[in-house]
Amino acid sequence: MINFIKGYFLVTLWAIIVITLCAMPQKSFNGTPHFEGMDKLAHTGFFFVFSTLMYFGNGYYFGNRMSKFWSIVLVVAFSILFGLFTEGIQKYIFTDRSADLWDLFADLVGTGMGSFAFLMLYRQPRTLSYK
């Protein structure tokens, strides 16, 4: 249980940060410099970090007991669920925010980027020291 908490602490903390940012009113970001599609870039970055932290959590908790394939399946599945959750709360709970399917697509692009980074790093086991 302690290894589970240690392994997934950072991804849980990151998820709380993302949910907090989703809860903030849209007008609170008016002072920030932005460009067209800035929110999509933010979604991509959020989910890149989320998926990367999930991969490190999997490595810490499961070690060599989980194959590369199942690790990717687990991370992509949780990322899809978390993306649907964040869009759902933006639509139904925080009504001053808007849900968008393109945001979900950007979430999946970030997850894909994290998965690609995982595959590139997984080839060199010396670079992934979990413990």
Protein backbone atom coordinates (compact mmCIF):
# COMPACT_ATOMS: atom_id res chain seq x y z
CA MET A 1 0.00 0.00 0.00
CA ILE A 2 2.86 2.36 0.81
CA ASN A 3 4.43 1.70 -2.61
CA PHE A 4 1.09 2.48 -4.25
CA ILE A 5 0.89 5.81 -2.44
CA LYS A 6 4.53 6.61 -3.22
CA GLY A 7 4.14 5.62 -6.85
CA TYR A 8 0.98 7.54 -7.60
CA PHE A 9 1.34 10.52 -5.25
CA LEU A 10 2.63 12.90 -7.91
CA VAL A 11 0.02 11.96 -10.51
CA THR A 12 -2.72 12.38 -7.88
CA LEU A 13 -1.35 15.79 -6.94
CA TRP A 14 -1.20 16.77 -10.62
CA ALA A 15 -4.80 15.62 -11.14
CA ILE A 16 -5.91 17.82 -8.24
CA ILE A 17 -4.08 20.78 -9.79
CA VAL A 18 -5.74 20.17 -13.17
CA ILE A 19 -9.20 19.86 -11.59
CA THR A 20 -8.58 23.09 -9.66
CA LEU A 21 -7.63 24.88 -12.88
CA CYS A 22 -10.77 23.48 -14.54
CA ALA A 23 -12.83 24.91 -11.69
CA MET A 24 -11.50 28.44 -12.14
CA PRO A 25 -13.82 30.81 -14.01
CA GLN A 26 -12.87 31.57 -17.59
CA LYS A 27 -12.67 35.30 -16.83
CA SER A 28 -9.86 34.72 -14.31
CA PHE A 29 -7.56 33.97 -17.25
CA ASN A 30 -8.35 37.23 -19.08
CA GLY A 31 -5.14 38.93 -17.95
CA THR A 32 -2.96 36.13 -19.28
CA PRO A 33 -1.45 36.62 -22.70
CA HIS A 34 -2.94 34.12 -25.08
CA PHE A 35 -3.35 33.21 -28.71
CA GLU A 36 -5.94 31.24 -30.65
CA GLY A 37 -5.82 27.65 -29.43
CA MET A 38 -3.94 28.43 -26.21
CA ASP A 39 -6.38 26.31 -24.21
CA LYS A 40 -5.73 23.33 -26.50
CA LEU A 41 -2.00 23.71 -25.93
CA ALA A 42 -2.64 23.84 -22.17
CA HIS A 43 -4.74 20.67 -22.34
CA THR A 44 -2.00 18.92 -24.31
CA GLY A 45 0.63 19.96 -21.78
CA PHE A 46 -1.53 18.98 -18.80
CA PHE A 47 -2.09 15.50 -20.16
CA PHE A 48 1.51 15.05 -21.26
CA VAL A 49 2.55 15.63 -17.65
CA PHE A 50 -0.35 13.49 -16.36
CA SER A 51 0.55 10.50 -18.55
CA THR A 52 4.28 10.82 -17.86
CA LEU A 53 3.65 10.81 -14.11
CA MET A 54 1.36 7.80 -14.54
CA TYR A 55 4.14 5.91 -16.35
CA PHE A 56 6.58 6.66 -13.55
CA GLY A 57 3.95 5.62 -11.00
CA ASN A 58 3.43 2.34 -12.85
CA GLY A 59 7.17 1.75 -12.90
CA TYR A 60 7.52 2.48 -9.21
CA TYR A 61 4.55 0.40 -8.12
CA PHE A 62 4.72 -2.53 -10.54
CA GLY A 63 8.43 -2.54 -11.36
CA ASN A 64 9.14 -5.21 -13.96
CA ARG A 65 5.86 -7.04 -13.28
CA MET A 66 3.92 -4.99 -15.83
CA SER A 67 4.65 -5.24 -19.52
CA LYS A 68 5.11 -2.19 -21.70
CA PHE A 69 1.85 -2.97 -23.52
CA TRP A 70 -0.29 -3.13 -20.36
CA SER A 71 1.33 -0.03 -18.96
CA ILE A 72 0.34 1.88 -22.11
CA VAL A 73 -3.20 0.44 -22.00
CA LEU A 74 -3.57 1.46 -18.35
CA VAL A 75 -2.27 4.99 -18.87
CA VAL A 76 -4.33 5.63 -22.02
CA ALA A 77 -7.49 4.27 -20.35
CA PHE A 78 -7.01 6.43 -17.25
CA SER A 79 -6.20 9.46 -19.40
CA ILE A 80 -9.39 9.00 -21.42
CA LEU A 81 -11.44 8.64 -18.24
CA PHE A 82 -9.76 11.65 -16.65
CA GLY A 83 -10.28 13.70 -19.83
CA LEU A 84 -13.97 12.77 -19.91
CA PHE A 85 -14.22 13.61 -16.22
CA THR A 86 -12.65 17.06 -16.63
CA GLU A 87 -14.86 17.88 -19.60
CA GLY A 88 -17.91 16.59 -17.72
CA ILE A 89 -17.28 18.77 -14.69
CA GLN A 90 -16.68 21.75 -16.95
CA LYS A 91 -20.05 21.18 -18.61
CA TYR A 92 -22.26 20.14 -15.70
CA ILE A 93 -20.69 21.46 -12.49
CA PHE A 94 -18.66 24.55 -13.40
CA THR A 95 -21.19 26.03 -15.79
CA ASP A 96 -19.17 29.16 -16.54
CA ARG A 97 -16.68 26.87 -18.30
CA SER A 98 -17.41 25.15 -21.58
CA ALA A 99 -16.86 21.52 -22.50
CA ASP A 100 -15.37 20.89 -25.91
CA LEU A 101 -14.62 17.69 -27.82
CA TRP A 102 -11.50 19.36 -29.21
CA ASP A 103 -10.25 19.69 -25.63
CA LEU A 104 -10.65 15.94 -25.26
CA PHE A 105 -8.75 15.48 -28.51
CA ALA A 106 -5.97 17.74 -27.18
CA ASP A 107 -5.93 15.63 -23.99
CA LEU A 108 -5.39 12.52 -26.09
CA VAL A 109 -2.62 14.22 -28.07
CA GLY A 110 -0.84 14.99 -24.79
CA THR A 111 -1.30 11.39 -23.70
CA GLY A 112 0.09 10.23 -27.04
CA MET A 113 3.12 12.46 -26.56
CA GLY A 114 3.67 11.03 -23.08
CA SER A 115 3.29 7.49 -24.42
CA PHE A 116 5.80 8.21 -27.18
CA ALA A 117 8.27 9.57 -24.62
CA PHE A 118 7.71 6.44 -22.51
CA LEU A 119 8.42 4.20 -25.49
CA MET A 120 11.61 6.10 -26.28
CA LEU A 121 12.83 5.94 -22.68
CA TYR A 122 11.71 2.34 -22.16
CA ARG A 123 14.26 1.19 -24.73
CA GLN A 124 17.06 2.32 -22.42
CA PRO A 125 16.38 0.72 -19.02
CA ARG A 126 19.34 2.51 -17.44
CA THR A 127 17.58 5.88 -17.78
CA LEU A 128 14.46 4.75 -15.88
CA SER A 129 15.49 4.19 -12.30
CA TYR A 130 12.33 4.08 -10.21
CA LYS A 131 13.69 3.18 -6.80
